[in-house]
Amino acid sequence: MNLPKKYISYSQIRLYQSCPKKYYYTYIEKIPVPISDKVLLGIVFHSTIAPCLIGLNLVKSGLFLAAIYVKLRFLILMEL
């Protein structure tokens, strides 16, 4: 998301307070942050399951996706 130059979001302020170097690399140098395994799993899962659900018209209700999300979240937490 490209924000106006004079705009600073709350997450930017929080990042700067926690680690000024990370803020610098993320917002000034615009170096991409590596994706964690869990985020990658989520991206793969959603991109795989979405076309199937769209074909079944289950996406519109949102209930089926919510159930899958809860189950996936439970599995991820069990790995921790």
PDB file of N, CA and C in Angstrom:
ATOM      1  N   MET A   1       0.852  -1.178   0.000  1.00  0.00           N
ATOM      2  CA  MET A   1       0.000   0.000   0.000  1.00  0.00           C
ATOM      3  C   MET A   1       0.890   1.231   0.000  1.00  0.00           C
ATOM      4  N   ASN A   2       0.708   2.093  -0.973  1.00  0.00           N
ATOM      5  CA  ASN A   2       1.472   3.334  -1.032  1.00  0.00           C
ATOM      6  C   ASN A   2       0.703   4.436  -0.330  1.00  0.00           C
ATOM      7  N   LEU A   3       1.283   4.940   0.738  1.00  0.00           N
ATOM      8  CA  LEU A   3       0.654   6.002   1.515  1.00  0.00           C
ATOM      9  C   LEU A   3       1.282   7.337   1.143  1.00  0.00           C
ATOM     10  N   PRO A   4       0.555   8.431   1.365  1.00  0.00           N
ATOM     11  CA  PRO A   4       1.155   9.744   1.125  1.00  0.00           C
ATOM     12  C   PRO A   4       2.422   9.915   1.946  1.00  0.00           C
ATOM     13  N   LYS A   5       3.371  10.704   1.459  1.00  0.00           N
ATOM     14  CA  LYS A   5       4.672  10.852   2.106  1.00  0.00           C
ATOM     15  C   LYS A   5       4.577  11.342   3.544  1.00  0.00           C
ATOM     16  N   LYS A   6       3.626  12.177   3.868  1.00  0.00           N
ATOM     17  CA  LYS A   6       3.519  12.729   5.216  1.00  0.00           C
ATOM     18  C   LYS A   6       2.673  11.870   6.144  1.00  0.00           C
ATOM     19  N   TYR A   7       2.224  10.730   5.670  1.00  0.00           N
ATOM     20  CA  TYR A   7       1.362   9.860   6.464  1.00  0.00           C
ATOM     21  C   TYR A   7       2.200   8.785   7.147  1.00  0.00           C
ATOM     22  N   ILE A   8       1.954   8.580   8.445  1.00  0.00           N
ATOM     23  CA  ILE A   8       2.603   7.497   9.189  1.00  0.00           C
ATOM     24  C   ILE A   8       1.503   6.717   9.889  1.00  0.00           C
ATOM     25  N   SER A   9       1.460   5.425   9.633  1.00  0.00           N
ATOM     26  CA  SER A   9       0.430   4.587  10.244  1.00  0.00           C
ATOM     27  C   SER A   9       0.846   4.174  11.655  1.00  0.00           C
ATOM     28  N   TYR A  10      -0.124   3.658  12.379  1.00  0.00           N
ATOM     29  CA  TYR A  10       0.143   3.180  13.729  1.00  0.00           C
ATOM     30  C   TYR A  10       1.148   2.031  13.711  1.00  0.00           C
ATOM     31  N   SER A  11       1.010   1.134  12.743  1.00  0.00           N
ATOM     32  CA  SER A  11       1.945   0.003  12.673  1.00  0.00           C
ATOM     33  C   SER A  11       3.365   0.473  12.352  1.00  0.00           C
ATOM     34  N   GLN A  12       3.497   1.534  11.562  1.00  0.00           N
ATOM     35  CA  GLN A  12       4.826   2.092  11.291  1.00  0.00           C
ATOM     36  C   GLN A  12       5.440   2.662  12.567  1.00  0.00           C
ATOM     37  N   ILE A  13       4.640   3.353  13.349  1.00  0.00           N
ATOM     38  CA  ILE A  13       5.140   3.919  14.614  1.00  0.00           C
ATOM     39  C   ILE A  13       5.554   2.805  15.559  1.00  0.00           C
ATOM     40  N   ARG A  14       4.706   1.775  15.667  1.00  0.00           N
ATOM     41  CA  ARG A  14       5.016   0.634  16.542  1.00  0.00           C
ATOM     42  C   ARG A  14       6.302  -0.057  16.115  1.00  0.00           C
ATOM     43  N   LEU A  15       6.477  -0.248  14.808  1.00  0.00           N
ATOM     44  CA  LEU A  15       7.685  -0.884  14.308  1.00  0.00           C
ATOM     45  C   LEU A  15       8.905  -0.028  14.627  1.00  0.00           C
ATOM     46  N   TYR A  16       8.799   1.274  14.432  1.00  0.00           N
ATOM     47  CA  TYR A  16       9.921   2.158  14.732  1.00  0.00           C
ATOM     48  C   TYR A  16      10.285   2.112  16.215  1.00  0.00           C
ATOM     49  N   GLN A  17       9.272   2.068  17.079  1.00  0.00           N
ATOM     50  CA  GLN A  17       9.528   2.008  18.519  1.00  0.00           C
ATOM     51  C   GLN A  17      10.196   0.689  18.908  1.00  0.00           C
ATOM     52  N   SER A  18       9.795  -0.392  18.263  1.00  0.00           N
ATOM     53  CA  SER A  18      10.364  -1.687  18.630  1.00  0.00           C
ATOM     54  C   SER A  18      11.738  -1.926  17.999  1.00  0.00           C
ATOM     55  N   CYS A  19      11.931  -1.442  16.771  1.00  0.00           N
ATOM     56  CA  CYS A  19      13.213  -1.671  16.094  1.00  0.00           C
ATOM     57  C   CYS A  19      13.413  -0.637  14.984  1.00  0.00           C
ATOM     58  N   PRO A  20      14.108   0.455  15.272  1.00  0.00           N
ATOM     59  CA  PRO A  20      14.319   1.506  14.266  1.00  0.00           C
ATOM     60  C   PRO A  20      15.002   1.006  12.983  1.00  0.00           C
ATOM     61  N   LYS A  21      15.922   0.049  13.108  1.00  0.00           N
ATOM     62  CA  LYS A  21      16.595  -0.482  11.908  1.00  0.00           C
ATOM     63  C   LYS A  21      15.608  -1.215  10.992  1.00  0.00           C
ATOM     64  N   LYS A  22      14.725  -2.005  11.599  1.00  0.00           N
ATOM     65  CA  LYS A  22      13.733  -2.732  10.803  1.00  0.00           C
ATOM     66  C   LYS A  22      12.797  -1.748  10.107  1.00  0.00           C
ATOM     67  N   TYR A  23      12.417  -0.681  10.823  1.00  0.00           N
ATOM     68  CA  TYR A  23      11.592   0.365  10.212  1.00  0.00           C
ATOM     69  C   TYR A  23      12.324   0.951   9.009  1.00  0.00           C
ATOM     70  N   TYR A  24      13.590   1.267   9.172  1.00  0.00           N
ATOM     71  CA  TYR A  24      14.393   1.857   8.101  1.00  0.00           C
ATOM     72  C   TYR A  24      14.427   0.942   6.879  1.00  0.00           C
ATOM     73  N   TYR A  25      14.724  -0.335   7.106  1.00  0.00           N
ATOM     74  CA  TYR A  25      14.815  -1.272   5.985  1.00  0.00           C
ATOM     75  C   TYR A  25      13.458  -1.499   5.319  1.00  0.00           C
ATOM     76  N   THR A  26      12.394  -1.502   6.126  1.00  0.00           N
ATOM     77  CA  THR A  26      11.067  -1.784   5.583  1.00  0.00           C
ATOM     78  C   THR A  26      10.478  -0.596   4.835  1.00  0.00           C
ATOM     79  N   TYR A  27      10.507   0.596   5.443  1.00  0.00           N
ATOM     80  CA  TYR A  27       9.797   1.744   4.881  1.00  0.00           C
ATOM     81  C   TYR A  27      10.675   2.739   4.132  1.00  0.00           C
ATOM     82  N   ILE A  28      11.938   2.824   4.463  1.00  0.00           N
ATOM     83  CA  ILE A  28      12.812   3.772   3.769  1.00  0.00           C
ATOM     84  C   ILE A  28      13.497   3.079   2.584  1.00  0.00           C
ATOM     85  N   GLU A  29      14.173   1.961   2.876  1.00  0.00           N
ATOM     86  CA  GLU A  29      14.860   1.216   1.823  1.00  0.00           C
ATOM     87  C   GLU A  29      13.919   0.325   1.011  1.00  0.00           C
ATOM     88  N   LYS A  30      12.728   0.027   1.571  1.00  0.00           N
ATOM     89  CA  LYS A  30      11.700  -0.808   0.933  1.00  0.00           C
ATOM     90  C   LYS A  30      12.227  -2.203   0.571  1.00  0.00           C
ATOM     91  N   ILE A  31      12.997  -2.785   1.500  1.00  0.00           N
ATOM     92  CA  ILE A  31      13.491  -4.144   1.345  1.00  0.00           C
ATOM     93  C   ILE A  31      12.373  -5.091   1.775  1.00  0.00           C
ATOM     94  N   PRO A  32      11.962  -6.031   0.928  1.00  0.00           N
ATOM     95  CA  PRO A  32      10.851  -6.921   1.290  1.00  0.00           C
ATOM     96  C   PRO A  32      11.212  -7.832   2.460  1.00  0.00           C
ATOM     97  N   VAL A  33      10.223  -8.064   3.311  1.00  0.00           N
ATOM     98  CA  VAL A  33      10.391  -8.942   4.465  1.00  0.00           C
ATOM     99  C   VAL A  33      10.125 -10.371   4.019  1.00  0.00           C
ATOM    100  N   PRO A  34      10.981 -11.323   4.407  1.00  0.00           N
ATOM    101  CA  PRO A  34      10.722 -12.717   4.020  1.00  0.00           C
ATOM    102  C   PRO A  34       9.405 -13.224   4.606  1.00  0.00           C
ATOM    103  N   ILE A  35       8.741 -14.083   3.870  1.00  0.00           N
ATOM    104  CA  ILE A  35       7.465 -14.637   4.306  1.00  0.00           C
ATOM    105  C   ILE A  35       7.733 -15.844   5.210  1.00  0.00           C
ATOM    106  N   SER A  36       7.027 -15.888   6.343  1.00  0.00           N
ATOM    107  CA  SER A  36       7.191 -17.020   7.253  1.00  0.00           C
ATOM    108  C   SER A  36       6.525 -18.257   6.661  1.00  0.00           C
ATOM    109  N   ASP A  37       6.867 -19.423   7.208  1.00  0.00           N
ATOM    110  CA  ASP A  37       6.288 -20.677   6.737  1.00  0.00           C
ATOM    111  C   ASP A  37       4.774 -20.688   6.902  1.00  0.00           C
ATOM    112  N   LYS A  38       4.296 -20.125   7.999  1.00  0.00           N
ATOM    113  CA  LYS A  38       2.860 -20.131   8.271  1.00  0.00           C
ATOM    114  C   LYS A  38       2.099 -19.237   7.309  1.00  0.00           C
ATOM    115  N   VAL A  39       2.670 -18.093   6.989  1.00  0.00           N
ATOM    116  CA  VAL A  39       2.030 -17.202   6.022  1.00  0.00           C
ATOM    117  C   VAL A  39       2.027 -17.847   4.642  1.00  0.00           C
ATOM    118  N   LEU A  40       3.124 -18.483   4.289  1.00  0.00           N
ATOM    119  CA  LEU A  40       3.196 -19.176   3.004  1.00  0.00           C
ATOM    120  C   LEU A  40       2.161 -20.300   2.937  1.00  0.00           C
ATOM    121  N   LEU A  41       2.006 -21.040   4.018  1.00  0.00           N
ATOM    122  CA  LEU A  41       0.988 -22.092   4.064  1.00  0.00           C
ATOM    123  C   LEU A  41      -0.404 -21.504   3.850  1.00  0.00           C
ATOM    124  N   GLY A  42      -0.684 -20.367   4.478  1.00  0.00           N
ATOM    125  CA  GLY A  42      -1.972 -19.715   4.306  1.00  0.00           C
ATOM    126  C   GLY A  42      -2.214 -19.266   2.877  1.00  0.00           C
ATOM    127  N   ILE A  43      -1.187 -18.710   2.262  1.00  0.00           N
ATOM    128  CA  ILE A  43      -1.312 -18.256   0.874  1.00  0.00           C
ATOM    129  C   ILE A  43      -1.587 -19.442  -0.053  1.00  0.00           C
ATOM    130  N   VAL A  44      -0.830 -20.516   0.127  1.00  0.00           N
ATOM    131  CA  VAL A  44      -1.009 -21.707  -0.706  1.00  0.00           C
ATOM    132  C   VAL A  44      -2.392 -22.304  -0.477  1.00  0.00           C
ATOM    133  N   PHE A  45      -2.788 -22.406   0.787  1.00  0.00           N
ATOM    134  CA  PHE A  45      -4.087 -22.985   1.109  1.00  0.00           C
ATOM    135  C   PHE A  45      -5.218 -22.186   0.469  1.00  0.00           C
ATOM    136  N   HIS A  46      -5.200 -20.868   0.649  1.00  0.00           N
ATOM    137  CA  HIS A  46      -6.285 -20.040   0.110  1.00  0.00           C
ATOM    138  C   HIS A  46      -6.308 -20.068  -1.413  1.00  0.00           C
ATOM    139  N   SER A  47      -5.135 -20.019  -2.040  1.00  0.00           N
ATOM    140  CA  SER A  47      -5.119 -20.025  -3.501  1.00  0.00           C
ATOM    141  C   SER A  47      -5.527 -21.389  -4.063  1.00  0.00           C
ATOM    142  N   THR A  48      -5.369 -22.445  -3.276  1.00  0.00           N
ATOM    143  CA  THR A  48      -5.769 -23.776  -3.723  1.00  0.00           C
ATOM    144  C   THR A  48      -7.260 -24.019  -3.521  1.00  0.00           C
ATOM    145  N   ILE A  49      -7.770 -23.647  -2.361  1.00  0.00           N
ATOM    146  CA  ILE A  49      -9.150 -23.987  -2.011  1.00  0.00           C
ATOM    147  C   ILE A  49     -10.174 -23.008  -2.606  1.00  0.00           C
ATOM    148  N   ALA A  50      -9.785 -21.756  -2.822  1.00  0.00           N
ATOM    149  CA  ALA A  50     -10.742 -20.742  -3.294  1.00  0.00           C
ATOM    150  C   ALA A  50     -11.409 -21.114  -4.617  1.00  0.00           C
ATOM    151  N   PRO A  51     -10.668 -21.544  -5.639  1.00  0.00           N
ATOM    152  CA  PRO A  51     -11.347 -21.900  -6.890  1.00  0.00           C
ATOM    153  C   PRO A  51     -12.362 -23.031  -6.717  1.00  0.00           C
ATOM    154  N   CYS A  52     -12.042 -23.989  -5.859  1.00  0.00           N
ATOM    155  CA  CYS A  52     -12.983 -25.095  -5.615  1.00  0.00           C
ATOM    156  C   CYS A  52     -14.261 -24.576  -4.965  1.00  0.00           C
ATOM    157  N   LEU A  53     -14.101 -23.705  -3.991  1.00  0.00           N
ATOM    158  CA  LEU A  53     -15.259 -23.194  -3.269  1.00  0.00           C
ATOM    159  C   LEU A  53     -16.089 -22.245  -4.122  1.00  0.00           C
ATOM    160  N   ILE A  54     -15.423 -21.471  -4.951  1.00  0.00           N
ATOM    161  CA  ILE A  54     -16.161 -20.557  -5.828  1.00  0.00           C
ATOM    162  C   ILE A  54     -17.048 -21.366  -6.770  1.00  0.00           C
ATOM    163  N   GLY A  55     -16.535 -22.497  -7.250  1.00  0.00           N
ATOM    164  CA  GLY A  55     -17.321 -23.364  -8.119  1.00  0.00           C
ATOM    165  C   GLY A  55     -18.526 -23.958  -7.416  1.00  0.00           C
ATOM    166  N   LEU A  56     -18.445 -24.123  -6.099  1.00  0.00           N
ATOM    167  CA  LEU A  56     -19.550 -24.698  -5.333  1.00  0.00           C
ATOM    168  C   LEU A  56     -20.468 -23.632  -4.732  1.00  0.00           C
ATOM    169  N   ASN A  57     -20.171 -22.368  -4.967  1.00  0.00           N
ATOM    170  CA  ASN A  57     -20.931 -21.248  -4.406  1.00  0.00           C
ATOM    171  C   ASN A  57     -20.953 -21.261  -2.870  1.00  0.00           C
ATOM    172  N   LEU A  58     -19.931 -21.832  -2.257  1.00  0.00           N
ATOM    173  CA  LEU A  58     -19.858 -21.847  -0.795  1.00  0.00           C
ATOM    174  C   LEU A  58     -19.131 -20.619  -0.264  1.00  0.00           C
ATOM    175  N   VAL A  59     -18.403 -19.953  -1.115  1.00  0.00           N
ATOM    176  CA  VAL A  59     -17.650 -18.778  -0.682  1.00  0.00           C
ATOM    177  C   VAL A  59     -18.592 -17.651  -0.276  1.00  0.00           C
ATOM    178  N   LYS A  60     -19.684 -17.512  -0.989  1.00  0.00           N
ATOM    179  CA  LYS A  60     -20.599 -16.396  -0.728  1.00  0.00           C
ATOM    180  C   LYS A  60     -21.175 -16.448   0.682  1.00  0.00           C
ATOM    181  N   SER A  61     -21.453 -17.628   1.191  1.00  0.00           N
ATOM    182  CA  SER A  61     -22.019 -17.724   2.534  1.00  0.00           C
ATOM    183  C   SER A  61     -20.967 -17.437   3.591  1.00  0.00           C
ATOM    184  N   GLY A  62     -19.728 -17.776   3.315  1.00  0.00           N
ATOM    185  CA  GLY A  62     -18.666 -17.520   4.266  1.00  0.00           C
ATOM    186  C   GLY A  62     -18.575 -18.551   5.381  1.00  0.00           C
ATOM    187  N   LEU A  63     -19.612 -19.346   5.569  1.00  0.00           N
ATOM    188  CA  LEU A  63     -19.615 -20.315   6.667  1.00  0.00           C
ATOM    189  C   LEU A  63     -18.593 -21.416   6.445  1.00  0.00           C
ATOM    190  N   PHE A  64     -18.502 -21.897   5.235  1.00  0.00           N
ATOM    191  CA  PHE A  64     -17.568 -22.980   4.949  1.00  0.00           C
ATOM    192  C   PHE A  64     -16.133 -22.497   5.119  1.00  0.00           C
ATOM    193  N   LEU A  65     -15.831 -21.290   4.638  1.00  0.00           N
ATOM    194  CA  LEU A  65     -14.489 -20.735   4.806  1.00  0.00           C
ATOM    195  C   LEU A  65     -14.158 -20.528   6.275  1.00  0.00           C
ATOM    196  N   ALA A  66     -15.134 -20.094   7.047  1.00  0.00           N
ATOM    197  CA  ALA A  66     -14.901 -19.892   8.480  1.00  0.00           C
ATOM    198  C   ALA A  66     -14.565 -21.214   9.156  1.00  0.00           C
ATOM    199  N   ALA A  67     -15.251 -22.270   8.792  1.00  0.00           N
ATOM    200  CA  ALA A  67     -14.975 -23.587   9.376  1.00  0.00           C
ATOM    201  C   ALA A  67     -13.576 -24.064   8.995  1.00  0.00           C
ATOM    202  N   ILE A  68     -13.195 -23.882   7.740  1.00  0.00           N
ATOM    203  CA  ILE A  68     -11.858 -24.275   7.299  1.00  0.00           C
ATOM    204  C   ILE A  68     -10.806 -23.451   8.026  1.00  0.00           C
ATOM    205  N   TYR A  69     -11.057 -22.154   8.175  1.00  0.00           N
ATOM    206  CA  TYR A  69     -10.103 -21.293   8.860  1.00  0.00           C
ATOM    207  C   TYR A  69      -9.894 -21.752  10.302  1.00  0.00           C
ATOM    208  N   VAL A  70     -10.958 -22.072  11.000  1.00  0.00           N
ATOM    209  CA  VAL A  70     -10.848 -22.511  12.397  1.00  0.00           C
ATOM    210  C   VAL A  70     -10.045 -23.805  12.473  1.00  0.00           C
ATOM    211  N   LYS A  71     -10.320 -24.747  11.575  1.00  0.00           N
ATOM    212  CA  LYS A  71      -9.589 -26.010  11.587  1.00  0.00           C
ATOM    213  C   LYS A  71      -8.116 -25.796  11.263  1.00  0.00           C
ATOM    214  N   LEU A  72      -7.830 -24.975  10.268  1.00  0.00           N
ATOM    215  CA  LEU A  72      -6.444 -24.706   9.894  1.00  0.00           C
ATOM    216  C   LEU A  72      -5.718 -24.001  11.028  1.00  0.00           C
ATOM    217  N   ARG A  73      -6.366 -23.044  11.651  1.00  0.00           N
ATOM    218  CA  ARG A  73      -5.750 -22.313  12.770  1.00  0.00           C
ATOM    219  C   ARG A  73      -5.436 -23.263  13.913  1.00  0.00           C
ATOM    220  N   PHE A  74      -6.337 -24.206  14.193  1.00  0.00           N
ATOM    221  CA  PHE A  74      -6.122 -25.194  15.236  1.00  0.00           C
ATOM    222  C   PHE A  74      -4.904 -26.057  14.910  1.00  0.00           C
ATOM    223  N   LEU A  75      -4.788 -26.491  13.651  1.00  0.00           N
ATOM    224  CA  LEU A  75      -3.650 -27.316  13.252  1.00  0.00           C
ATOM    225  C   LEU A  75      -2.336 -26.561  13.385  1.00  0.00           C
ATOM    226  N   ILE A  76      -2.345 -25.297  13.011  1.00  0.00           N
ATOM    227  CA  ILE A  76      -1.120 -24.485  13.115  1.00  0.00           C
ATOM    228  C   ILE A  76      -0.737 -24.313  14.578  1.00  0.00           C
ATOM    229  N   LEU A  77      -1.698 -24.035  15.440  1.00  0.00           N
ATOM    230  CA  LEU A  77      -1.409 -23.856  16.862  1.00  0.00           C
ATOM    231  C   LEU A  77      -0.907 -25.144  17.493  1.00  0.00           C
ATOM    232  N   MET A  78      -1.367 -26.281  17.013  1.00  0.00           N
ATOM    233  CA  MET A  78      -0.924 -27.560  17.572  1.00  0.00           C
ATOM    234  C   MET A  78       0.541 -27.820  17.240  1.00  0.00           C
ATOM    235  N   GLU A  79       1.041 -27.239  16.138  1.00  0.00           N
ATOM    236  CA  GLU A  79       2.438 -27.421  15.760  1.00  0.00           C
ATOM    237  C   GLU A  79       3.373 -26.604  16.627  1.00  0.00           C
ATOM    238  N   LEU A  80       2.862 -25.540  17.234  1.00  0.00           N
ATOM    239  CA  LEU A  80       3.719 -24.682  18.063  1.00  0.00           C
ATOM    240  C   LEU A  80       4.111 -25.409  19.256  1.00  0.00           C
TER     241      LEU A  80
END
